[in-house]
Amino acid sequence: MVDEHFTSSVELARAKRRQAVAIAMSSITEALIAEVFKRPVLWDHRIKNCHNRDFVDKEWRNLSQTLNISSKYYYKAYVVGLYTNLCTNMQN
């Protein structure tokens, strides 16, 4: 028989971890929005260089460095994915 105290303490630890991750993601999301807003080439398709893939990629790389995304996270997979996910969720 599983000890109920152990089970509830494990569930409590998981809930605390989820809450900490949610807070961290919230601050990352706010910082991401602010940094993307500073770089209109990433979101305004009227800008001359918005279709220049090299220029846009450079801006995403600079943004990920500004947010101190470690090198183990490739900026395309992490930062761009996070922003795309955010935009999709905002539309729904």
Protein backbone atom coordinates (compact mmCIF):
# COMPACT_ATOMS: atom_id res chain seq x y z
CA MET A 1 0.00 0.00 0.00
CA VAL A 2 1.36 3.41 -0.99
CA ASP A 3 1.86 5.83 1.86
CA GLU A 4 -0.71 8.63 1.46
CA HIS A 5 1.62 11.20 3.02
CA PHE A 6 4.33 10.34 0.49
CA THR A 7 1.85 10.56 -2.39
CA SER A 8 0.53 13.94 -1.29
CA SER A 9 4.06 15.33 -0.77
CA VAL A 10 5.05 14.17 -4.27
CA GLU A 11 1.94 15.80 -5.71
CA LEU A 12 2.68 18.98 -3.75
CA ALA A 13 6.25 19.05 -5.09
CA ARG A 14 4.96 18.59 -8.64
CA ALA A 15 2.45 21.40 -8.21
CA LYS A 16 5.16 23.73 -6.90
CA ARG A 17 7.39 22.83 -9.84
CA ARG A 18 4.58 23.50 -12.33
CA GLN A 19 3.90 26.85 -10.67
CA ALA A 20 7.60 27.82 -10.84
CA VAL A 21 7.74 26.89 -14.52
CA ALA A 22 4.58 28.91 -15.22
CA ILE A 23 6.08 31.98 -13.51
CA ALA A 24 9.34 31.58 -15.43
CA MET A 25 7.50 31.15 -18.73
CA SER A 26 5.43 34.25 -17.97
CA SER A 27 8.54 36.40 -17.52
CA ILE A 28 10.17 34.87 -20.61
CA THR A 29 7.00 35.57 -22.59
CA GLU A 30 6.92 39.21 -21.48
CA ALA A 31 10.59 39.67 -22.33
CA LEU A 32 10.09 37.95 -25.69
CA ILE A 33 7.17 40.21 -26.60
CA ALA A 34 9.18 43.31 -25.66
CA GLU A 35 12.22 42.20 -27.68
CA VAL A 36 10.18 41.24 -30.75
CA PHE A 37 8.40 44.59 -30.61
CA LYS A 38 11.81 46.32 -30.77
CA ARG A 39 12.52 44.48 -34.03
CA PRO A 40 9.72 45.30 -36.49
CA VAL A 41 11.37 43.28 -39.25
CA LEU A 42 10.21 40.17 -37.35
CA TRP A 43 6.54 41.10 -37.39
CA ASP A 44 5.84 43.94 -39.84
CA HIS A 45 5.67 42.61 -43.39
CA ARG A 46 5.75 46.13 -44.85
CA ILE A 47 9.41 46.47 -43.84
CA LYS A 48 11.87 46.23 -46.71
CA ASN A 49 14.04 43.43 -45.24
CA CYS A 50 11.23 41.27 -43.87
CA HIS A 51 11.66 38.77 -46.73
CA ASN A 52 15.45 38.71 -46.45
CA ARG A 53 15.90 35.38 -44.65
CA ASP A 54 19.52 36.09 -43.65
CA PHE A 55 18.60 39.43 -42.11
CA VAL A 56 15.59 38.00 -40.25
CA ASP A 57 17.63 35.03 -38.97
CA LYS A 58 20.28 37.43 -37.72
CA GLU A 59 17.63 39.38 -35.83
CA TRP A 60 16.28 36.19 -34.23
CA ARG A 61 19.83 35.23 -33.21
CA ASN A 62 20.38 38.67 -31.69
CA LEU A 63 17.08 38.43 -29.86
CA SER A 64 17.97 35.03 -28.40
CA GLN A 65 21.33 36.42 -27.22
CA THR A 66 19.54 39.37 -25.61
CA LEU A 67 17.29 36.95 -23.72
CA ASN A 68 20.37 34.93 -22.67
CA ILE A 69 19.15 31.76 -24.33
CA SER A 70 22.01 29.33 -23.86
CA SER A 71 23.71 27.85 -26.88
CA LYS A 72 22.20 24.43 -26.18
CA TYR A 73 18.87 25.82 -27.38
CA TYR A 74 18.95 26.53 -31.06
CA TYR A 75 17.27 29.89 -31.52
CA LYS A 76 14.97 28.66 -34.29
CA ALA A 77 13.66 25.73 -32.31
CA TYR A 78 13.24 27.62 -29.06
CA VAL A 79 12.74 31.37 -29.49
CA VAL A 80 10.93 31.33 -32.83
CA GLY A 81 8.84 28.36 -31.70
CA LEU A 82 7.92 30.10 -28.47
CA TYR A 83 6.91 33.26 -30.33
CA THR A 84 4.91 31.33 -32.93
CA ASN A 85 3.14 29.44 -30.16
CA LEU A 86 2.35 32.69 -28.39
CA CYS A 87 0.90 34.24 -31.57
CA THR A 88 -1.22 31.17 -32.24
CA ASN A 89 -2.60 31.20 -28.69
CA MET A 90 -3.38 34.92 -28.88
CA GLN A 91 -5.45 34.39 -32.07
CA ASN A 92 -7.65 31.75 -30.45
